[in-house]
Amino acid sequence: MSMDIKIPKGADIKLKGVADRVYAHVSNSKFYAIKPTDFHLITPKMVVNIGDQVEVGEVLFYDKNCEKIKFTAPVSGLVTDIVRGDKRKILEVIIEADKEFRYKQFEKRDLPSLTRQTIIDDLLISGLWPLIRQRPFSIIANPNNHPKSIFISAFDSSPLAPDNDFIFHGETNLFQLGLDIVTQLCDGTTHLNVDGNSNSSKVFSNAKGVQINKIYGPHPSGNVGVQIHHIDPINKGDVIWYLSPQDLITIARFFRDGKYDSSKIIALTGS
């Protein structure tokens, strides 16, 4: 049953420099860095070496504490450096990108016959599993856990945040495909939370198979942790998974096309 949540405390910080509602195409960067330090509590174990050629979706390293959790290349090209810090801690894996990306082809699935375990296995082998985070602690989800619910916040209330209604224009089918896949990972409820202060895009308001909740109030109303606290609080021993709407699109593209496409739309903002 859908819920209306009103958050009275907080503040909408008005800053200059909101992004215009137009698309700008920029050329690809020459170098890309993948940083294990962006992921809490993982210990990376390298699979590639300096000088190796990699395809998009090829494994770069995995988590030593859970070898099933792999991290794959977002671009194809040459591994030019593995930057290490104190005690040889891996800080960055740097790839010099090809002008035309080469994609590792994964097995295409019959979407109606997907099972929970097949989805988990495919997300793990493709390197997409780290997109799914776990509360408490905001760590990469443990694939052996069964979450009591899954949360997706369809809006961001932070200052100069991108406008998801604009970003997801025309992506109704792909977003719904992502929901159809992710909802199978949870026996409980998948919550899609929308901004109650505005009329959300039909991409979100017409979504099927999820509980759509309206969140009212100032920032941090778009924060998924705040939403969890008001809708389905975490008790001792509970686990909740969450992911962003654009990560949902990445997962949908993977199952539709059989390849890892990590491209995203970002907002260039500020005064």
C-alpha atoms as a PDB file:
ATOM      1  CA  MET A   1       0.000   0.000   0.000  1.00  0.00           C
ATOM      2  CA  SER A   2       1.462   3.340  -1.042  1.00  0.00           C
ATOM      3  CA  MET A   3       2.444   5.794   1.665  1.00  0.00           C
ATOM      4  CA  ASP A   4       2.628   9.576   1.947  1.00  0.00           C
ATOM      5  CA  ILE A   5       5.565  10.598   4.128  1.00  0.00           C
ATOM      6  CA  LYS A   6       5.972  14.169   5.374  1.00  0.00           C
ATOM      7  CA  ILE A   7       9.410  15.183   6.622  1.00  0.00           C
ATOM      8  CA  PRO A   8       9.112  18.493   8.531  1.00  0.00           C
ATOM      9  CA  LYS A   9      12.760  19.084   9.335  1.00  0.00           C
ATOM     10  CA  GLY A  10      15.512  19.996   6.913  1.00  0.00           C
ATOM     11  CA  ALA A  11      16.425  22.787   4.522  1.00  0.00           C
ATOM     12  CA  ASP A  12      16.438  23.311   0.760  1.00  0.00           C
ATOM     13  CA  ILE A  13      19.704  25.134   0.128  1.00  0.00           C
ATOM     14  CA  LYS A  14      19.312  27.489  -2.813  1.00  0.00           C
ATOM     15  CA  LEU A  15      22.557  27.757  -4.782  1.00  0.00           C
ATOM     16  CA  LYS A  16      23.245  29.368  -8.143  1.00  0.00           C
ATOM     17  CA  GLY A  17      24.216  27.257 -11.096  1.00  0.00           C
ATOM     18  CA  VAL A  18      21.434  24.735 -11.663  1.00  0.00           C
ATOM     19  CA  ALA A  19      21.980  22.721 -14.839  1.00  0.00           C
ATOM     20  CA  ASP A  20      19.970  23.714 -17.925  1.00  0.00           C
ATOM     21  CA  ARG A  21      17.510  21.113 -19.193  1.00  0.00           C
ATOM     22  CA  VAL A  22      19.525  20.432 -22.343  1.00  0.00           C
ATOM     23  CA  TYR A  23      21.808  17.594 -23.376  1.00  0.00           C
ATOM     24  CA  ALA A  24      25.452  18.225 -24.205  1.00  0.00           C
ATOM     25  CA  HIS A  25      27.574  15.556 -25.855  1.00  0.00           C
ATOM     26  CA  VAL A  26      31.243  15.546 -24.903  1.00  0.00           C
ATOM     27  CA  SER A  27      34.061  13.439 -26.282  1.00  0.00           C
ATOM     28  CA  ASN A  28      35.334  10.467 -24.309  1.00  0.00           C
ATOM     29  CA  SER A  29      38.257  10.902 -21.968  1.00  0.00           C
ATOM     30  CA  LYS A  30      41.613   9.361 -22.891  1.00  0.00           C
ATOM     31  CA  PHE A  31      42.181   7.892 -19.421  1.00  0.00           C
ATOM     32  CA  TYR A  32      39.783   6.318 -16.921  1.00  0.00           C
ATOM     33  CA  ALA A  33      40.480   5.365 -13.301  1.00  0.00           C
ATOM     34  CA  ILE A  34      38.690   2.701 -11.289  1.00  0.00           C
ATOM     35  CA  LYS A  35      39.165   3.305  -7.556  1.00  0.00           C
ATOM     36  CA  PRO A  36      38.692   0.443  -5.069  1.00  0.00           C
ATOM     37  CA  THR A  37      38.660   3.084  -2.321  1.00  0.00           C
ATOM     38  CA  ASP A  38      35.213   4.196  -3.555  1.00  0.00           C
ATOM     39  CA  PHE A  39      33.783   0.962  -2.119  1.00  0.00           C
ATOM     40  CA  HIS A  40      33.648   0.529   1.643  1.00  0.00           C
ATOM     41  CA  LEU A  41      35.305  -2.453   3.298  1.00  0.00           C
ATOM     42  CA  ILE A  42      36.578  -4.273   0.213  1.00  0.00           C
ATOM     43  CA  THR A  43      40.100  -5.657  -0.161  1.00  0.00           C
ATOM     44  CA  PRO A  44      40.915  -5.710  -3.892  1.00  0.00           C
ATOM     45  CA  LYS A  45      42.784  -8.623  -5.430  1.00  0.00           C
ATOM     46  CA  MET A  46      44.118  -7.782  -8.884  1.00  0.00           C
ATOM     47  CA  VAL A  47      43.359  -9.964 -11.893  1.00  0.00           C
ATOM     48  CA  VAL A  48      45.040  -7.809 -14.576  1.00  0.00           C
ATOM     49  CA  ASN A  49      48.554  -6.400 -14.783  1.00  0.00           C
ATOM     50  CA  ILE A  50      50.055  -3.258 -16.266  1.00  0.00           C
ATOM     51  CA  GLY A  51      50.231  -3.695 -20.021  1.00  0.00           C
ATOM     52  CA  ASP A  52      47.145  -5.905 -20.321  1.00  0.00           C
ATOM     53  CA  GLN A  53      44.459  -5.147 -22.883  1.00  0.00           C
ATOM     54  CA  VAL A  54      40.926  -5.320 -21.505  1.00  0.00           C
ATOM     55  CA  GLU A  55      37.430  -5.263 -22.941  1.00  0.00           C
ATOM     56  CA  VAL A  56      34.423  -3.511 -21.430  1.00  0.00           C
ATOM     57  CA  GLY A  57      33.093  -5.906 -18.800  1.00  0.00           C
ATOM     58  CA  GLU A  58      36.371  -7.765 -18.266  1.00  0.00           C
ATOM     59  CA  VAL A  59      37.318  -8.379 -14.620  1.00  0.00           C
ATOM     60  CA  LEU A  60      39.986  -6.032 -13.209  1.00  0.00           C
ATOM     61  CA  PHE A  61      39.924  -7.122  -9.579  1.00  0.00           C
ATOM     62  CA  TYR A  62      37.693  -8.862  -7.051  1.00  0.00           C
ATOM     63  CA  ASP A  63      37.033  -8.562  -3.343  1.00  0.00           C
ATOM     64  CA  LYS A  64      39.434 -10.786  -1.423  1.00  0.00           C
ATOM     65  CA  ASN A  65      36.834 -11.201   1.338  1.00  0.00           C
ATOM     66  CA  CYS A  66      34.117 -12.308  -1.098  1.00  0.00           C
ATOM     67  CA  GLU A  67      35.618 -13.527  -4.361  1.00  0.00           C
ATOM     68  CA  LYS A  68      32.232 -13.599  -6.088  1.00  0.00           C
ATOM     69  CA  ILE A  69      32.094  -9.784  -6.041  1.00  0.00           C
ATOM     70  CA  LYS A  70      33.996  -8.650  -9.133  1.00  0.00           C
ATOM     71  CA  PHE A  71      34.823  -5.223 -10.527  1.00  0.00           C
ATOM     72  CA  THR A  72      34.985  -4.929 -14.294  1.00  0.00           C
ATOM     73  CA  ALA A  73      36.362  -2.442 -16.800  1.00  0.00           C
ATOM     74  CA  PRO A  74      33.936   0.355 -17.780  1.00  0.00           C
ATOM     75  CA  VAL A  75      35.946   0.966 -20.979  1.00  0.00           C
ATOM     76  CA  SER A  76      38.201  -1.098 -23.221  1.00  0.00           C
ATOM     77  CA  GLY A  77      41.855  -0.295 -23.651  1.00  0.00           C
ATOM     78  CA  LEU A  78      45.311  -0.666 -22.136  1.00  0.00           C
ATOM     79  CA  VAL A  79      45.954  -0.936 -18.392  1.00  0.00           C
ATOM     80  CA  THR A  80      48.650   1.722 -18.070  1.00  0.00           C
ATOM     81  CA  ASP A  81      49.097   1.899 -14.305  1.00  0.00           C
ATOM     82  CA  ILE A  82      48.082   0.373 -10.988  1.00  0.00           C
ATOM     83  CA  VAL A  83      48.575   3.138  -8.419  1.00  0.00           C
ATOM     84  CA  ARG A  84      49.438   1.980  -4.906  1.00  0.00           C
ATOM     85  CA  GLY A  85      49.640   3.826  -1.603  1.00  0.00           C
ATOM     86  CA  ASP A  86      50.925   2.928   1.845  1.00  0.00           C
ATOM     87  CA  LYS A  87      51.503  -0.789   2.417  1.00  0.00           C
ATOM     88  CA  ARG A  88      50.917  -1.296  -1.328  1.00  0.00           C
ATOM     89  CA  LYS A  89      47.217  -0.500  -0.942  1.00  0.00           C
ATOM     90  CA  ILE A  90      45.628  -0.298  -4.404  1.00  0.00           C
ATOM     91  CA  LEU A  91      44.301   3.196  -4.993  1.00  0.00           C
ATOM     92  CA  GLU A  92      43.569   3.290  -8.730  1.00  0.00           C
ATOM     93  CA  VAL A  93      43.568   1.129 -11.832  1.00  0.00           C
ATOM     94  CA  ILE A  94      44.131   3.405 -14.826  1.00  0.00           C
ATOM     95  CA  ILE A  95      43.043   2.455 -18.342  1.00  0.00           C
ATOM     96  CA  GLU A  96      43.983   4.270 -21.551  1.00  0.00           C
ATOM     97  CA  ALA A  97      40.736   3.944 -23.459  1.00  0.00           C
ATOM     98  CA  ASP A  98      40.290   2.795 -27.050  1.00  0.00           C
ATOM     99  CA  LYS A  99      38.656   5.206 -29.474  1.00  0.00           C
ATOM    100  CA  GLU A 100      36.055   2.543 -30.204  1.00  0.00           C
ATOM    101  CA  PHE A 101      35.087   0.402 -27.214  1.00  0.00           C
ATOM    102  CA  ARG A 102      35.310  -3.383 -27.449  1.00  0.00           C
ATOM    103  CA  TYR A 103      32.617  -5.127 -25.398  1.00  0.00           C
ATOM    104  CA  LYS A 104      32.769  -8.522 -23.753  1.00  0.00           C
ATOM    105  CA  GLN A 105      29.612 -10.336 -24.806  1.00  0.00           C
ATOM    106  CA  PHE A 106      27.635 -11.967 -22.031  1.00  0.00           C
ATOM    107  CA  GLU A 107      24.936 -14.555 -22.434  1.00  0.00           C
ATOM    108  CA  LYS A 108      21.554 -13.087 -23.277  1.00  0.00           C
ATOM    109  CA  ARG A 109      18.779 -14.414 -21.088  1.00  0.00           C
ATOM    110  CA  ASP A 110      15.148 -15.216 -21.746  1.00  0.00           C
ATOM    111  CA  LEU A 111      13.814 -12.436 -19.544  1.00  0.00           C
ATOM    112  CA  PRO A 112      10.450 -14.015 -18.598  1.00  0.00           C
ATOM    113  CA  SER A 113      12.212 -17.129 -17.282  1.00  0.00           C
ATOM    114  CA  LEU A 114      14.799 -15.343 -15.116  1.00  0.00           C
ATOM    115  CA  THR A 115      15.166 -16.658 -11.577  1.00  0.00           C
ATOM    116  CA  ARG A 116      16.540 -14.843  -8.541  1.00  0.00           C
ATOM    117  CA  GLN A 117      19.732 -16.915  -8.541  1.00  0.00           C
ATOM    118  CA  THR A 118      20.310 -16.419 -12.275  1.00  0.00           C
ATOM    119  CA  ILE A 119      19.973 -12.649 -11.852  1.00  0.00           C
ATOM    120  CA  ILE A 120      22.427 -12.643  -8.931  1.00  0.00           C
ATOM    121  CA  ASP A 121      24.935 -14.833 -10.812  1.00  0.00           C
ATOM    122  CA  ASP A 122      24.790 -12.608 -13.915  1.00  0.00           C
ATOM    123  CA  LEU A 123      25.207  -9.416 -11.888  1.00  0.00           C
ATOM    124  CA  LEU A 124      28.202 -10.907 -10.084  1.00  0.00           C
ATOM    125  CA  ILE A 125      30.033 -12.149 -13.182  1.00  0.00           C
ATOM    126  CA  SER A 126      29.440  -8.897 -15.082  1.00  0.00           C
ATOM    127  CA  GLY A 127      30.689  -6.643 -12.294  1.00  0.00           C
ATOM    128  CA  LEU A 128      27.289  -4.996 -11.874  1.00  0.00           C
ATOM    129  CA  TRP A 129      26.667  -6.365  -8.400  1.00  0.00           C
ATOM    130  CA  PRO A 130      28.489  -3.447  -6.644  1.00  0.00           C
ATOM    131  CA  LEU A 131      25.676  -1.173  -7.893  1.00  0.00           C
ATOM    132  CA  ILE A 132      23.467  -2.726  -5.208  1.00  0.00           C
ATOM    133  CA  ARG A 133      24.196  -1.359  -1.743  1.00  0.00           C
ATOM    134  CA  GLN A 134      23.139  -2.564   1.660  1.00  0.00           C
ATOM    135  CA  ARG A 135      21.932  -0.800   4.786  1.00  0.00           C
ATOM    136  CA  PRO A 136      23.114  -0.578   7.477  1.00  0.00           C
ATOM    137  CA  PHE A 137      26.610   0.749   6.697  1.00  0.00           C
ATOM    138  CA  SER A 138      26.080   1.523   2.965  1.00  0.00           C
ATOM    139  CA  ILE A 139      28.315  -1.348   1.859  1.00  0.00           C
ATOM    140  CA  ILE A 140      28.095  -3.529  -1.240  1.00  0.00           C
ATOM    141  CA  ALA A 141      25.199  -5.930  -0.746  1.00  0.00           C
ATOM    142  CA  ASN A 142      26.015  -9.453   0.367  1.00  0.00           C
ATOM    143  CA  PRO A 143      24.662 -11.769  -2.364  1.00  0.00           C
ATOM    144  CA  ASN A 144      24.014 -14.451   0.262  1.00  0.00           C
ATOM    145  CA  ASN A 145      21.569 -12.225   2.173  1.00  0.00           C
ATOM    146  CA  HIS A 146      17.833 -11.965   1.658  1.00  0.00           C
ATOM    147  CA  PRO A 147      16.792  -8.329   2.132  1.00  0.00           C
ATOM    148  CA  LYS A 148      13.479  -7.550   3.760  1.00  0.00           C
ATOM    149  CA  SER A 149      12.924  -4.761   1.208  1.00  0.00           C
ATOM    150  CA  ILE A 150      14.586  -2.812  -1.608  1.00  0.00           C
ATOM    151  CA  PHE A 151      14.557   0.983  -1.896  1.00  0.00           C
ATOM    152  CA  ILE A 152      14.921   3.205  -4.963  1.00  0.00           C
ATOM    153  CA  SER A 153      14.764   6.977  -4.529  1.00  0.00           C
ATOM    154  CA  ALA A 154      13.533   8.513  -7.779  1.00  0.00           C
ATOM    155  CA  PHE A 155      14.614  12.027  -6.778  1.00  0.00           C
ATOM    156  CA  ASP A 156      17.566  13.803  -5.227  1.00  0.00           C
ATOM    157  CA  SER A 157      16.821  16.723  -2.917  1.00  0.00           C
ATOM    158  CA  SER A 158      20.436  17.818  -2.399  1.00  0.00           C
ATOM    159  CA  PRO A 159      21.626  21.216  -3.734  1.00  0.00           C
ATOM    160  CA  LEU A 160      22.281  21.329  -7.511  1.00  0.00           C
ATOM    161  CA  ALA A 161      21.168  17.720  -7.889  1.00  0.00           C
ATOM    162  CA  PRO A 162      20.290  16.475 -11.391  1.00  0.00           C
ATOM    163  CA  ASP A 163      16.634  16.398 -12.427  1.00  0.00           C
ATOM    164  CA  ASN A 164      15.691  12.735 -12.763  1.00  0.00           C
ATOM    165  CA  ASP A 165      12.416  13.581 -14.502  1.00  0.00           C
ATOM    166  CA  PHE A 166      14.508  15.114 -17.300  1.00  0.00           C
ATOM    167  CA  ILE A 167      17.191  12.409 -17.300  1.00  0.00           C
ATOM    168  CA  PHE A 168      14.673   9.571 -17.624  1.00  0.00           C
ATOM    169  CA  HIS A 169      12.469  11.145 -20.284  1.00  0.00           C
ATOM    170  CA  GLY A 170      11.606   8.452 -22.841  1.00  0.00           C
ATOM    171  CA  GLU A 171      13.107   5.615 -20.762  1.00  0.00           C
ATOM    172  CA  THR A 172       9.817   4.152 -19.548  1.00  0.00           C
ATOM    173  CA  ASN A 173      10.292   0.652 -20.983  1.00  0.00           C
ATOM    174  CA  LEU A 174      13.930   0.337 -19.923  1.00  0.00           C
ATOM    175  CA  PHE A 175      13.198   1.562 -16.393  1.00  0.00           C
ATOM    176  CA  GLN A 176      10.302  -0.877 -16.042  1.00  0.00           C
ATOM    177  CA  LEU A 177      12.538  -3.704 -17.252  1.00  0.00           C
ATOM    178  CA  GLY A 178      15.036  -2.805 -14.540  1.00  0.00           C
ATOM    179  CA  LEU A 179      12.268  -2.867 -11.935  1.00  0.00           C
ATOM    180  CA  ASP A 180      11.004  -6.238 -13.169  1.00  0.00           C
ATOM    181  CA  ILE A 181      14.503  -7.662 -12.690  1.00  0.00           C
ATOM    182  CA  VAL A 182      15.362  -6.080  -9.345  1.00  0.00           C
ATOM    183  CA  THR A 183      12.036  -6.886  -7.669  1.00  0.00           C
ATOM    184  CA  GLN A 184      12.859 -10.587  -8.038  1.00  0.00           C
ATOM    185  CA  LEU A 185      15.805 -10.160  -5.666  1.00  0.00           C
ATOM    186  CA  CYS A 186      13.505  -9.525  -2.712  1.00  0.00           C
ATOM    187  CA  ASP A 187      10.631 -11.515  -1.223  1.00  0.00           C
ATOM    188  CA  GLY A 188       9.381  -8.351   0.454  1.00  0.00           C
ATOM    189  CA  THR A 189       8.440  -4.971  -0.987  1.00  0.00           C
ATOM    190  CA  THR A 190      10.378  -2.906  -3.487  1.00  0.00           C
ATOM    191  CA  HIS A 191       9.790   0.761  -2.678  1.00  0.00           C
ATOM    192  CA  LEU A 192       9.984   3.409  -5.404  1.00  0.00           C
ATOM    193  CA  ASN A 193       9.949   6.790  -3.688  1.00  0.00           C
ATOM    194  CA  VAL A 194       8.961   9.911  -5.629  1.00  0.00           C
ATOM    195  CA  ASP A 195       8.995  13.615  -4.818  1.00  0.00           C
ATOM    196  CA  GLY A 196       5.617  14.569  -3.384  1.00  0.00           C
ATOM    197  CA  ASN A 197       6.441  18.273  -3.820  1.00  0.00           C
ATOM    198  CA  SER A 198       6.137  18.020  -7.621  1.00  0.00           C
ATOM    199  CA  ASN A 199       4.443  16.004 -10.341  1.00  0.00           C
ATOM    200  CA  SER A 200       6.836  13.152 -11.047  1.00  0.00           C
ATOM    201  CA  SER A 201       7.506  11.856 -14.528  1.00  0.00           C
ATOM    202  CA  LYS A 202       5.215   9.073 -15.748  1.00  0.00           C
ATOM    203  CA  VAL A 203       8.342   6.907 -15.932  1.00  0.00           C
ATOM    204  CA  PHE A 204       8.097   6.761 -12.132  1.00  0.00           C
ATOM    205  CA  SER A 205       4.419   7.395 -11.386  1.00  0.00           C
ATOM    206  CA  ASN A 206       3.225   4.627 -13.767  1.00  0.00           C
ATOM    207  CA  ALA A 207       5.796   2.031 -12.643  1.00  0.00           C
ATOM    208  CA  LYS A 208       4.421  -1.470 -12.056  1.00  0.00           C
ATOM    209  CA  GLY A 209       5.281  -4.137  -9.505  1.00  0.00           C
ATOM    210  CA  VAL A 210       6.530  -1.734  -6.833  1.00  0.00           C
ATOM    211  CA  GLN A 211       5.108   0.320  -3.981  1.00  0.00           C
ATOM    212  CA  ILE A 212       5.204   3.993  -4.980  1.00  0.00           C
ATOM    213  CA  ASN A 213       5.564   6.295  -1.989  1.00  0.00           C
ATOM    214  CA  LYS A 214       5.340  10.086  -2.056  1.00  0.00           C
ATOM    215  CA  ILE A 215       7.896  11.906   0.068  1.00  0.00           C
ATOM    216  CA  TYR A 216       7.126  15.495   1.096  1.00  0.00           C
ATOM    217  CA  GLY A 217       9.487  17.966   2.670  1.00  0.00           C
ATOM    218  CA  PRO A 218      12.844  19.701   2.245  1.00  0.00           C
ATOM    219  CA  HIS A 219      16.274  18.144   1.902  1.00  0.00           C
ATOM    220  CA  PRO A 220      17.228  15.467   3.028  1.00  0.00           C
ATOM    221  CA  SER A 221      13.859  14.029   1.950  1.00  0.00           C
ATOM    222  CA  GLY A 222      15.531  12.487  -1.118  1.00  0.00           C
ATOM    223  CA  ASN A 223      18.094  10.632   0.981  1.00  0.00           C
ATOM    224  CA  VAL A 224      17.364   6.911   0.873  1.00  0.00           C
ATOM    225  CA  GLY A 225      18.442   6.488   4.502  1.00  0.00           C
ATOM    226  CA  VAL A 226      15.827   8.999   5.641  1.00  0.00           C
ATOM    227  CA  GLN A 227      13.202   7.262   3.522  1.00  0.00           C
ATOM    228  CA  ILE A 228      14.055   3.863   4.988  1.00  0.00           C
ATOM    229  CA  HIS A 229      13.763   5.292   8.507  1.00  0.00           C
ATOM    230  CA  HIS A 230      10.211   6.525   7.876  1.00  0.00           C
ATOM    231  CA  ILE A 231       8.899   3.667   5.704  1.00  0.00           C
ATOM    232  CA  ASP A 232      10.594   0.432   6.793  1.00  0.00           C
ATOM    233  CA  PRO A 233      12.986   1.018   9.725  1.00  0.00           C
ATOM    234  CA  ILE A 234      15.924  -1.321  10.174  1.00  0.00           C
ATOM    235  CA  ASN A 235      15.787  -3.455  13.289  1.00  0.00           C
ATOM    236  CA  LYS A 236      18.502  -5.668  14.694  1.00  0.00           C
ATOM    237  CA  GLY A 237      19.427  -8.327  12.130  1.00  0.00           C
ATOM    238  CA  ASP A 238      17.553  -6.650   9.255  1.00  0.00           C
ATOM    239  CA  VAL A 239      19.101  -6.005   5.863  1.00  0.00           C
ATOM    240  CA  ILE A 240      17.775  -3.582   3.242  1.00  0.00           C
ATOM    241  CA  TRP A 241      19.182  -3.153  -0.269  1.00  0.00           C
ATOM    242  CA  TYR A 242      19.024   0.028  -2.310  1.00  0.00           C
ATOM    243  CA  LEU A 243      20.216   1.388  -5.642  1.00  0.00           C
ATOM    244  CA  SER A 244      19.892   4.518  -7.756  1.00  0.00           C
ATOM    245  CA  PRO A 245      17.529   4.883 -10.735  1.00  0.00           C
ATOM    246  CA  GLN A 246      20.429   5.175 -13.210  1.00  0.00           C
ATOM    247  CA  ASP A 247      21.977   2.003 -11.817  1.00  0.00           C
ATOM    248  CA  LEU A 248      18.640   0.343 -12.497  1.00  0.00           C
ATOM    249  CA  ILE A 249      18.915   1.436 -16.143  1.00  0.00           C
ATOM    250  CA  THR A 250      22.459   0.005 -16.339  1.00  0.00           C
ATOM    251  CA  ILE A 251      21.173  -3.356 -15.098  1.00  0.00           C
ATOM    252  CA  ALA A 252      18.269  -3.292 -17.568  1.00  0.00           C
ATOM    253  CA  ARG A 253      20.605  -2.569 -20.514  1.00  0.00           C
ATOM    254  CA  PHE A 254      22.829  -5.463 -19.487  1.00  0.00           C
ATOM    255  CA  PHE A 255      19.999  -8.001 -19.467  1.00  0.00           C
ATOM    256  CA  ARG A 256      18.506  -6.601 -22.670  1.00  0.00           C
ATOM    257  CA  ASP A 257      21.722  -6.357 -24.715  1.00  0.00           C
ATOM    258  CA  GLY A 258      24.086  -8.831 -23.036  1.00  0.00           C
ATOM    259  CA  LYS A 259      26.830  -6.249 -22.498  1.00  0.00           C
ATOM    260  CA  TYR A 260      28.001  -3.924 -19.756  1.00  0.00           C
ATOM    261  CA  ASP A 261      27.256  -0.290 -20.586  1.00  0.00           C
ATOM    262  CA  SER A 262      28.179   1.935 -17.626  1.00  0.00           C
ATOM    263  CA  SER A 263      27.393   5.263 -19.321  1.00  0.00           C
ATOM    264  CA  LYS A 264      25.367   7.747 -17.271  1.00  0.00           C
ATOM    265  CA  ILE A 265      23.924  11.233 -17.633  1.00  0.00           C
ATOM    266  CA  ILE A 266      25.389  13.714 -15.156  1.00  0.00           C
ATOM    267  CA  ALA A 267      24.644  17.363 -14.397  1.00  0.00           C
ATOM    268  CA  LEU A 268      27.347  19.987 -14.712  1.00  0.00           C
ATOM    269  CA  THR A 269      26.406  22.550 -12.061  1.00  0.00           C
ATOM    270  CA  GLY A 270      27.669  25.364  -9.903  1.00  0.00           C
ATOM    271  CA  SER A 271      28.197  29.097 -10.077  1.00  0.00           C
END
